[in-house]
């Protein structure tokens, strides 16, 4: 464990980590939300959830018991400050009165088998946490919980995102 005396020390440390372990990938989440799973109140009306996972995030089988591999579908992460800032503003505007926290992980973090970060082919500032092998929804939930437990959090990023 290291202690940082000034913000510059922390920035230098993060740059060193990015060189060694890949870029920082982040998700802004409204206060009280999960960094990985959605609550019904977090999604637009009509959008379907299966065990807290949005149907539109992953490629589900027609019976919705299986998640199929797809290299351009998965949980969204920002890989660039401007992209994160835009998503943060969107989350803040849709959740008035709530703070927005930023959860983050390194691109080359140890992930459970059959999950990997893949760059969005349409936007290199955006990554997906994808499934690389067919698995049950319960297996994906377990693996996503593993990822969530290892994510770092920056509470209420209002000042940092302005």
N, C-alpha and C. Protein backbone atom coordinates (compact mmCIF):
# COMPACT_ATOMS: atom_id res chain seq x y z
N UNK A 1 0.86 -1.17 0.00
CA UNK A 1 0.00 0.00 0.00
C UNK A 1 0.90 1.23 0.00
N UNK A 2 0.58 2.17 -0.89
CA UNK A 2 1.34 3.41 -0.97
C UNK A 2 0.47 4.57 -0.55
N UNK A 3 1.10 5.58 0.04
CA UNK A 3 0.39 6.79 0.40
C UNK A 3 0.85 7.90 -0.54
N UNK A 4 -0.11 8.69 -1.04
CA UNK A 4 0.21 9.75 -1.97
C UNK A 4 0.04 11.09 -1.28
N UNK A 5 1.07 11.93 -1.38
CA UNK A 5 1.03 13.22 -0.69
C UNK A 5 0.37 14.30 -1.54
N UNK A 6 0.52 14.20 -2.85
CA UNK A 6 -0.09 15.19 -3.74
C UNK A 6 -0.71 14.47 -4.94
N UNK A 7 -1.62 15.15 -5.61
CA UNK A 7 -2.32 14.57 -6.75
C UNK A 7 -1.35 14.17 -7.87
N UNK A 8 -0.27 14.90 -8.03
CA UNK A 8 0.72 14.59 -9.06
C UNK A 8 1.32 13.21 -8.83
N UNK A 9 1.57 12.85 -7.55
CA UNK A 9 2.09 11.52 -7.24
C UNK A 9 1.12 10.45 -7.72
N UNK A 10 -0.16 10.66 -7.49
CA UNK A 10 -1.18 9.69 -7.90
C UNK A 10 -1.23 9.59 -9.43
N UNK A 11 -1.19 10.73 -10.12
CA UNK A 11 -1.20 10.72 -11.59
C UNK A 11 0.01 9.95 -12.14
N UNK A 12 1.19 10.19 -11.56
CA UNK A 12 2.40 9.49 -11.99
C UNK A 12 2.27 7.99 -11.77
N UNK A 13 1.67 7.61 -10.64
CA UNK A 13 1.49 6.20 -10.32
C UNK A 13 0.53 5.55 -11.33
N UNK A 14 -0.57 6.25 -11.66
CA UNK A 14 -1.53 5.71 -12.63
C UNK A 14 -0.87 5.57 -14.00
N UNK A 15 -0.06 6.55 -14.42
CA UNK A 15 0.64 6.45 -15.71
C UNK A 15 1.56 5.23 -15.73
N UNK A 16 2.25 4.99 -14.60
CA UNK A 16 3.13 3.83 -14.50
C UNK A 16 2.32 2.54 -14.62
N UNK A 17 1.17 2.47 -13.95
CA UNK A 17 0.30 1.31 -14.04
C UNK A 17 -0.19 1.10 -15.47
N UNK A 18 -0.55 2.19 -16.16
CA UNK A 18 -1.03 2.08 -17.53
C UNK A 18 0.04 1.49 -18.45
N UNK A 19 1.30 1.86 -18.23
CA UNK A 19 2.39 1.31 -19.04
C UNK A 19 2.54 -0.18 -18.76
N UNK A 20 2.46 -0.56 -17.47
CA UNK A 20 2.68 -1.95 -17.08
C UNK A 20 1.46 -2.84 -17.34
N UNK A 21 0.26 -2.33 -17.09
CA UNK A 21 -0.94 -3.18 -17.09
C UNK A 21 -2.03 -2.75 -18.06
N UNK A 22 -1.81 -1.73 -18.87
CA UNK A 22 -2.82 -1.29 -19.82
C UNK A 22 -3.56 -0.06 -19.34
N UNK A 23 -4.44 0.43 -20.18
CA UNK A 23 -5.15 1.67 -19.88
C UNK A 23 -6.18 1.48 -18.77
N UNK A 24 -6.58 2.60 -18.18
CA UNK A 24 -7.61 2.61 -17.15
C UNK A 24 -8.97 2.63 -17.85
N UNK A 25 -9.85 1.72 -17.46
CA UNK A 25 -11.20 1.64 -18.01
C UNK A 25 -12.18 1.97 -16.89
N UNK A 26 -13.14 2.85 -17.17
CA UNK A 26 -14.00 3.38 -16.10
C UNK A 26 -15.48 3.36 -16.49
N UNK A 27 -16.32 3.32 -15.44
CA UNK A 27 -17.78 3.36 -15.59
C UNK A 27 -18.36 4.31 -14.55
N UNK A 28 -19.02 5.39 -14.97
CA UNK A 28 -19.71 6.24 -13.99
C UNK A 28 -21.04 5.61 -13.61
N UNK A 29 -21.31 5.57 -12.30
CA UNK A 29 -22.50 4.90 -11.78
C UNK A 29 -23.20 5.81 -10.78
N UNK A 30 -24.52 6.01 -10.92
CA UNK A 30 -25.25 6.84 -9.95
C UNK A 30 -25.16 6.24 -8.55
N UNK A 31 -25.14 7.12 -7.58
CA UNK A 31 -25.09 6.74 -6.17
C UNK A 31 -26.09 5.62 -5.87
N UNK A 32 -25.62 4.57 -5.20
CA UNK A 32 -26.48 3.46 -4.84
C UNK A 32 -26.53 2.34 -5.86
N UNK A 33 -25.94 2.58 -7.03
CA UNK A 33 -25.96 1.56 -8.08
C UNK A 33 -24.77 0.63 -8.00
N UNK A 34 -24.83 -0.45 -8.75
CA UNK A 34 -23.75 -1.42 -8.84
C UNK A 34 -22.85 -1.06 -10.02
N UNK A 35 -21.54 -1.30 -9.92
CA UNK A 35 -20.66 -0.99 -11.05
C UNK A 35 -20.87 -1.95 -12.23
N UNK A 36 -21.59 -3.02 -12.02
CA UNK A 36 -21.75 -4.04 -13.05
C UNK A 36 -23.21 -4.32 -13.40
N UNK A 37 -24.07 -4.36 -12.41
CA UNK A 37 -25.45 -4.75 -12.62
C UNK A 37 -26.39 -3.55 -12.59
N UNK A 38 -27.50 -3.66 -13.29
CA UNK A 38 -28.49 -2.60 -13.35
C UNK A 38 -29.68 -2.92 -12.45
N UNK A 39 -30.27 -1.87 -11.90
CA UNK A 39 -31.56 -1.98 -11.23
C UNK A 39 -32.60 -1.52 -12.24
N UNK A 40 -33.83 -1.97 -12.08
CA UNK A 40 -34.87 -1.57 -13.04
C UNK A 40 -35.00 -0.05 -13.11
N UNK A 41 -34.77 0.63 -11.97
CA UNK A 41 -34.88 2.10 -11.97
C UNK A 41 -33.73 2.77 -12.74
N UNK A 42 -32.69 2.03 -13.09
CA UNK A 42 -31.53 2.58 -13.81
C UNK A 42 -31.68 2.52 -15.33
N UNK A 43 -32.69 1.81 -15.82
CA UNK A 43 -32.83 1.61 -17.27
C UNK A 43 -34.12 2.24 -17.77
N UNK A 44 -34.15 2.62 -19.04
CA UNK A 44 -35.37 3.21 -19.61
C UNK A 44 -36.53 2.20 -19.57
N UNK A 45 -37.75 2.71 -19.51
CA UNK A 45 -38.92 1.81 -19.54
C UNK A 45 -38.89 0.92 -20.78
N UNK A 46 -39.23 -0.32 -20.58
CA UNK A 46 -39.26 -1.27 -21.69
C UNK A 46 -37.96 -2.02 -21.91
N UNK A 47 -36.87 -1.56 -21.31
CA UNK A 47 -35.59 -2.26 -21.49
C UNK A 47 -35.56 -3.43 -20.51
N UNK A 48 -35.26 -4.60 -21.04
CA UNK A 48 -35.35 -5.83 -20.25
C UNK A 48 -34.02 -6.15 -19.54
N UNK A 49 -34.16 -6.62 -18.30
CA UNK A 49 -33.02 -7.08 -17.51
C UNK A 49 -33.17 -8.57 -17.23
N UNK A 50 -32.05 -9.28 -17.24
CA UNK A 50 -32.00 -10.67 -16.81
C UNK A 50 -30.95 -10.73 -15.72
N UNK A 51 -31.36 -10.94 -14.50
CA UNK A 51 -30.47 -10.99 -13.33
C UNK A 51 -29.56 -9.76 -13.26
N UNK A 52 -30.11 -8.60 -13.58
CA UNK A 52 -29.37 -7.36 -13.49
C UNK A 52 -28.53 -7.02 -14.71
N UNK A 53 -28.59 -7.85 -15.75
CA UNK A 53 -27.84 -7.62 -16.98
C UNK A 53 -28.81 -7.15 -18.05
N UNK A 54 -28.48 -6.07 -18.73
CA UNK A 54 -29.33 -5.59 -19.82
C UNK A 54 -29.23 -6.54 -21.01
N UNK A 55 -30.38 -6.89 -21.55
CA UNK A 55 -30.42 -7.76 -22.72
C UNK A 55 -29.60 -7.16 -23.87
N UNK A 56 -29.64 -5.84 -24.01
CA UNK A 56 -28.92 -5.20 -25.13
C UNK A 56 -27.40 -5.15 -24.94
N UNK A 57 -26.91 -5.43 -23.73
CA UNK A 57 -25.46 -5.39 -23.51
C UNK A 57 -24.74 -6.63 -24.04
N UNK A 58 -25.35 -7.78 -23.86
CA UNK A 58 -24.73 -9.04 -24.28
C UNK A 58 -25.60 -9.73 -25.31
N UNK A 59 -25.05 -10.71 -25.98
CA UNK A 59 -25.77 -11.50 -26.97
C UNK A 59 -26.38 -12.71 -26.25
N UNK A 60 -27.69 -12.66 -26.03
CA UNK A 60 -28.40 -13.73 -25.33
C UNK A 60 -29.01 -14.72 -26.32
N UNK A 61 -29.13 -15.96 -25.89
CA UNK A 61 -29.87 -16.95 -26.67
C UNK A 61 -31.35 -16.56 -26.62
N UNK A 62 -32.16 -17.14 -27.49
CA UNK A 62 -33.59 -16.79 -27.52
C UNK A 62 -34.29 -17.15 -26.22
N UNK A 63 -33.84 -18.19 -25.52
CA UNK A 63 -34.46 -18.57 -24.25
C UNK A 63 -33.95 -17.71 -23.09
N UNK A 64 -32.93 -16.91 -23.31
CA UNK A 64 -32.33 -16.00 -22.34
C UNK A 64 -31.70 -16.72 -21.14
N UNK A 65 -31.29 -17.95 -21.35
CA UNK A 65 -30.58 -18.70 -20.31
C UNK A 65 -29.08 -18.77 -20.60
N UNK A 66 -28.70 -18.42 -21.82
CA UNK A 66 -27.31 -18.49 -22.25
C UNK A 66 -26.85 -17.14 -22.77
N UNK A 67 -25.57 -16.87 -22.57
CA UNK A 67 -24.93 -15.68 -23.14
C UNK A 67 -23.92 -16.19 -24.16
N UNK A 68 -24.00 -15.64 -25.37
CA UNK A 68 -23.17 -16.10 -26.48
C UNK A 68 -22.01 -15.14 -26.72
N UNK A 69 -20.88 -15.66 -27.16
CA UNK A 69 -19.73 -14.78 -27.42
C UNK A 69 -20.00 -13.80 -28.56
N UNK A 70 -19.51 -12.59 -28.36
CA UNK A 70 -19.62 -11.56 -29.39
C UNK A 70 -18.56 -10.51 -29.06
N UNK A 71 -17.70 -10.19 -30.02
CA UNK A 71 -16.58 -9.29 -29.70
C UNK A 71 -16.95 -7.81 -29.70
N UNK A 72 -18.22 -7.47 -30.01
CA UNK A 72 -18.63 -6.06 -29.97
C UNK A 72 -19.89 -5.86 -29.12
N UNK A 73 -20.08 -6.78 -28.20
CA UNK A 73 -21.17 -6.64 -27.22
C UNK A 73 -20.61 -6.98 -25.85
N UNK A 74 -21.03 -6.21 -24.87
CA UNK A 74 -20.58 -6.44 -23.51
C UNK A 74 -20.82 -5.20 -22.68
N UNK A 75 -20.38 -5.23 -21.48
CA UNK A 75 -20.52 -4.10 -20.57
C UNK A 75 -19.61 -2.97 -21.04
N UNK A 76 -20.12 -1.75 -21.05
CA UNK A 76 -19.39 -0.60 -21.59
C UNK A 76 -18.45 0.03 -20.58
N UNK A 77 -17.26 0.38 -21.04
CA UNK A 77 -16.26 1.08 -20.24
C UNK A 77 -15.67 2.21 -21.06
N UNK A 78 -15.41 3.33 -20.42
CA UNK A 78 -14.73 4.45 -21.07
C UNK A 78 -13.23 4.26 -20.92
N UNK A 79 -12.51 4.53 -22.01
CA UNK A 79 -11.06 4.39 -22.00
C UNK A 79 -10.36 5.71 -22.24
N UNK A 80 -11.11 6.80 -22.22
CA UNK A 80 -10.55 8.12 -22.48
C UNK A 80 -11.30 9.14 -21.63
N UNK A 81 -10.59 10.14 -21.16
CA UNK A 81 -11.17 11.15 -20.27
C UNK A 81 -12.40 11.82 -20.87
N UNK A 82 -12.34 12.23 -22.16
CA UNK A 82 -13.48 12.92 -22.78
C UNK A 82 -14.70 12.01 -22.89
N UNK A 83 -14.48 10.75 -23.21
CA UNK A 83 -15.59 9.80 -23.29
C UNK A 83 -16.22 9.62 -21.91
N UNK A 84 -15.39 9.44 -20.89
CA UNK A 84 -15.87 9.28 -19.52
C UNK A 84 -16.65 10.52 -19.08
N UNK A 85 -16.13 11.68 -19.40
CA UNK A 85 -16.77 12.94 -19.02
C UNK A 85 -18.17 13.04 -19.65
N UNK A 86 -18.31 12.64 -20.91
CA UNK A 86 -19.60 12.68 -21.58
C UNK A 86 -20.61 11.72 -20.95
N UNK A 87 -20.17 10.52 -20.65
CA UNK A 87 -21.06 9.53 -20.02
C UNK A 87 -21.41 9.99 -18.61
N UNK A 88 -20.43 10.55 -17.90
CA UNK A 88 -20.68 11.08 -16.56
C UNK A 88 -21.79 12.14 -16.60
N UNK A 89 -21.68 13.09 -17.53
CA UNK A 89 -22.69 14.16 -17.63
C UNK A 89 -24.07 13.58 -17.92
N UNK A 90 -24.14 12.58 -18.78
CA UNK A 90 -25.40 11.92 -19.10
C UNK A 90 -26.00 11.28 -17.84
N UNK A 91 -25.19 10.53 -17.10
CA UNK A 91 -25.67 9.87 -15.87
C UNK A 91 -26.11 10.90 -14.84
N UNK A 92 -25.35 11.98 -14.70
CA UNK A 92 -25.70 13.03 -13.74
C UNK A 92 -27.02 13.70 -14.11
N UNK A 93 -27.24 13.94 -15.41
CA UNK A 93 -28.48 14.61 -15.83
C UNK A 93 -29.70 13.72 -15.65
N UNK A 94 -29.53 12.42 -15.76
CA UNK A 94 -30.64 11.49 -15.61
C UNK A 94 -30.88 11.09 -14.14
N UNK A 95 -30.01 11.54 -13.25
CA UNK A 95 -30.13 11.21 -11.82
C UNK A 95 -29.96 12.46 -10.97
N UNK A 96 -30.87 13.43 -11.14
CA UNK A 96 -30.72 14.69 -10.40
C UNK A 96 -30.75 14.46 -8.89
N UNK A 97 -29.88 15.17 -8.20
CA UNK A 97 -29.82 15.07 -6.74
C UNK A 97 -28.97 13.92 -6.23
N UNK A 98 -28.51 13.06 -7.13
CA UNK A 98 -27.65 11.94 -6.72
C UNK A 98 -26.23 12.23 -7.17
N UNK A 99 -25.27 11.80 -6.37
CA UNK A 99 -23.89 11.91 -6.82
C UNK A 99 -23.61 10.75 -7.78
N UNK A 100 -22.57 10.92 -8.59
CA UNK A 100 -22.17 9.87 -9.53
C UNK A 100 -20.74 9.46 -9.17
N UNK A 101 -20.57 8.17 -8.92
CA UNK A 101 -19.26 7.61 -8.59
C UNK A 101 -18.65 7.03 -9.86
N UNK A 102 -17.32 6.96 -9.90
CA UNK A 102 -16.65 6.35 -11.04
C UNK A 102 -15.91 5.11 -10.54
N UNK A 103 -16.28 3.97 -11.12
CA UNK A 103 -15.62 2.71 -10.84
C UNK A 103 -14.62 2.47 -11.95
N UNK A 104 -13.45 1.95 -11.61
CA UNK A 104 -12.44 1.74 -12.64
C UNK A 104 -11.62 0.48 -12.39
N UNK A 105 -11.04 0.02 -13.49
CA UNK A 105 -10.20 -1.17 -13.49
C UNK A 105 -9.17 -0.99 -14.60
N UNK A 106 -8.08 -1.69 -14.52
CA UNK A 106 -7.07 -1.62 -15.59
C UNK A 106 -7.40 -2.63 -16.69
N UNK A 107 -7.15 -2.23 -17.91
CA UNK A 107 -7.46 -3.06 -19.08
C UNK A 107 -6.89 -4.47 -18.95
N UNK A 108 -5.68 -4.57 -18.48
CA UNK A 108 -5.04 -5.89 -18.39
C UNK A 108 -5.14 -6.48 -16.99
N UNK A 109 -6.21 -6.11 -16.29
CA UNK A 109 -6.45 -6.68 -14.97
C UNK A 109 -6.70 -8.18 -15.11
N UNK A 110 -6.48 -8.90 -14.04
CA UNK A 110 -6.80 -10.32 -14.05
C UNK A 110 -8.31 -10.45 -14.12
N UNK A 111 -8.79 -11.06 -15.19
CA UNK A 111 -10.22 -11.28 -15.39
C UNK A 111 -10.52 -12.76 -15.27
N UNK A 112 -11.74 -13.09 -14.92
CA UNK A 112 -12.11 -14.51 -14.91
C UNK A 112 -11.98 -15.10 -16.32
N UNK A 113 -11.78 -16.40 -16.41
CA UNK A 113 -11.70 -17.03 -17.74
C UNK A 113 -12.95 -16.72 -18.56
N UNK A 114 -12.77 -16.57 -19.86
CA UNK A 114 -13.84 -16.37 -20.83
C UNK A 114 -14.45 -14.97 -20.81
N UNK A 115 -13.79 -14.02 -20.16
CA UNK A 115 -14.15 -12.60 -20.25
C UNK A 115 -12.90 -11.85 -20.71
N UNK A 116 -13.09 -10.83 -21.54
CA UNK A 116 -11.95 -10.00 -21.92
C UNK A 116 -12.43 -8.61 -22.35
N UNK A 117 -11.54 -7.63 -22.23
CA UNK A 117 -11.82 -6.29 -22.70
C UNK A 117 -11.48 -6.22 -24.19
N UNK A 118 -12.42 -5.66 -24.97
CA UNK A 118 -12.22 -5.52 -26.41
C UNK A 118 -12.55 -4.09 -26.80
N UNK A 119 -11.67 -3.50 -27.59
CA UNK A 119 -11.89 -2.13 -28.07
C UNK A 119 -13.10 -2.09 -29.00
N UNK A 120 -13.93 -1.08 -28.83
CA UNK A 120 -15.08 -0.85 -29.71
C UNK A 120 -14.55 -0.50 -31.09
N UNK A 121 -15.00 -1.19 -32.11
CA UNK A 121 -14.54 -0.94 -33.48
C UNK A 121 -14.99 0.42 -33.99
N UNK A 122 -16.04 1.00 -33.39
CA UNK A 122 -16.56 2.29 -33.83
C UNK A 122 -15.99 3.47 -33.07
N UNK A 123 -15.38 3.21 -31.90
CA UNK A 123 -14.89 4.31 -31.05
C UNK A 123 -13.75 3.78 -30.18
N UNK A 124 -12.51 4.19 -30.47
CA UNK A 124 -11.38 3.65 -29.71
C UNK A 124 -11.28 4.22 -28.30
N UNK A 125 -12.21 5.10 -27.93
CA UNK A 125 -12.25 5.60 -26.55
C UNK A 125 -13.18 4.77 -25.69
N UNK A 126 -13.74 3.70 -26.26
CA UNK A 126 -14.74 2.88 -25.61
C UNK A 126 -14.34 1.40 -25.71
N UNK A 127 -14.53 0.66 -24.62
CA UNK A 127 -14.24 -0.78 -24.60
C UNK A 127 -15.47 -1.54 -24.12
N UNK A 128 -15.53 -2.82 -24.51
CA UNK A 128 -16.56 -3.73 -24.02
C UNK A 128 -15.90 -4.79 -23.15
N UNK A 129 -16.56 -5.17 -22.06
CA UNK A 129 -16.16 -6.36 -21.31
C UNK A 129 -16.98 -7.49 -21.92
N UNK A 130 -16.35 -8.28 -22.78
CA UNK A 130 -17.06 -9.25 -23.61
C UNK A 130 -16.97 -10.67 -23.05
N UNK A 131 -17.84 -11.52 -23.58
CA UNK A 131 -17.84 -12.95 -23.30
C UNK A 131 -17.15 -13.62 -24.48
N UNK A 132 -16.20 -14.51 -24.22
CA UNK A 132 -15.47 -15.18 -25.31
C UNK A 132 -15.89 -16.62 -25.51
N UNK A 133 -16.74 -17.13 -24.62
CA UNK A 133 -17.19 -18.51 -24.70
C UNK A 133 -18.64 -18.58 -24.21
N UNK A 134 -19.47 -19.39 -24.85
CA UNK A 134 -20.86 -19.56 -24.43
C UNK A 134 -20.92 -19.96 -22.96
N UNK A 135 -21.80 -19.27 -22.20
CA UNK A 135 -21.94 -19.59 -20.77
C UNK A 135 -23.37 -19.31 -20.33
N UNK A 136 -23.75 -19.91 -19.23
CA UNK A 136 -25.07 -19.64 -18.68
C UNK A 136 -25.10 -18.23 -18.09
N UNK A 137 -26.28 -17.68 -17.96
CA UNK A 137 -26.43 -16.36 -17.35
C UNK A 137 -25.88 -16.39 -15.92
N UNK A 138 -26.15 -17.47 -15.19
CA UNK A 138 -25.66 -17.59 -13.81
C UNK A 138 -24.14 -17.55 -13.76
N UNK A 139 -23.48 -18.17 -14.73
CA UNK A 139 -22.01 -18.15 -14.78
C UNK A 139 -21.52 -16.73 -15.04
N UNK A 140 -22.17 -16.05 -15.98
CA UNK A 140 -21.77 -14.66 -16.27
C UNK A 140 -21.97 -13.78 -15.04
N UNK A 141 -23.08 -13.93 -14.34
CA UNK A 141 -23.33 -13.15 -13.13
C UNK A 141 -22.22 -13.38 -12.12
N UNK A 142 -21.82 -14.62 -11.94
CA UNK A 142 -20.74 -14.95 -11.00
C UNK A 142 -19.43 -14.28 -11.42
N UNK A 143 -19.11 -14.33 -12.69
CA UNK A 143 -17.87 -13.74 -13.19
C UNK A 143 -17.91 -12.20 -13.09
N UNK A 144 -19.06 -11.61 -13.38
CA UNK A 144 -19.18 -10.16 -13.26
C UNK A 144 -19.08 -9.71 -11.80
N UNK A 145 -19.62 -10.50 -10.88
CA UNK A 145 -19.45 -10.19 -9.45
C UNK A 145 -17.98 -10.21 -9.08
N UNK A 146 -17.22 -11.13 -9.63
CA UNK A 146 -15.78 -11.24 -9.38
C UNK A 146 -15.08 -9.96 -9.84
N UNK A 147 -15.47 -9.48 -11.04
CA UNK A 147 -14.88 -8.24 -11.57
C UNK A 147 -15.26 -7.06 -10.67
N UNK A 148 -16.54 -6.97 -10.31
CA UNK A 148 -17.02 -5.85 -9.48
C UNK A 148 -16.29 -5.77 -8.16
N UNK A 149 -16.01 -6.92 -7.57
CA UNK A 149 -15.31 -6.96 -6.27
C UNK A 149 -13.89 -6.40 -6.36
N UNK A 150 -13.33 -6.36 -7.55
CA UNK A 150 -11.95 -5.91 -7.72
C UNK A 150 -11.83 -4.52 -8.32
N UNK A 151 -12.96 -3.87 -8.54
CA UNK A 151 -12.92 -2.52 -9.12
C UNK A 151 -12.65 -1.49 -8.04
N UNK A 152 -11.88 -0.48 -8.39
CA UNK A 152 -11.64 0.66 -7.49
C UNK A 152 -12.77 1.67 -7.71
N UNK A 153 -12.97 2.54 -6.72
CA UNK A 153 -14.05 3.52 -6.81
C UNK A 153 -13.54 4.90 -6.43
N UNK A 154 -14.03 5.90 -7.16
CA UNK A 154 -13.80 7.29 -6.80
C UNK A 154 -15.20 7.84 -6.50
N UNK A 155 -15.46 8.13 -5.25
CA UNK A 155 -16.79 8.60 -4.82
C UNK A 155 -17.04 10.02 -5.29
N UNK A 156 -18.27 10.28 -5.67
CA UNK A 156 -18.77 11.60 -6.08
C UNK A 156 -17.73 12.41 -6.85
N UNK A 157 -17.70 12.23 -8.13
CA UNK A 157 -16.69 12.85 -9.01
C UNK A 157 -17.13 14.20 -9.57
N UNK A 158 -18.09 14.86 -8.96
CA UNK A 158 -18.62 16.10 -9.49
C UNK A 158 -17.53 17.12 -9.80
N UNK A 159 -16.67 17.40 -8.85
CA UNK A 159 -15.64 18.42 -9.07
C UNK A 159 -14.62 18.00 -10.12
N UNK A 160 -14.27 16.71 -10.14
CA UNK A 160 -13.26 16.24 -11.10
C UNK A 160 -13.76 16.26 -12.53
N UNK A 161 -15.07 16.12 -12.73
CA UNK A 161 -15.62 16.01 -14.07
C UNK A 161 -16.04 17.32 -14.70
N UNK A 162 -15.90 18.42 -14.00
CA UNK A 162 -16.29 19.73 -14.57
C UNK A 162 -15.22 20.29 -15.45
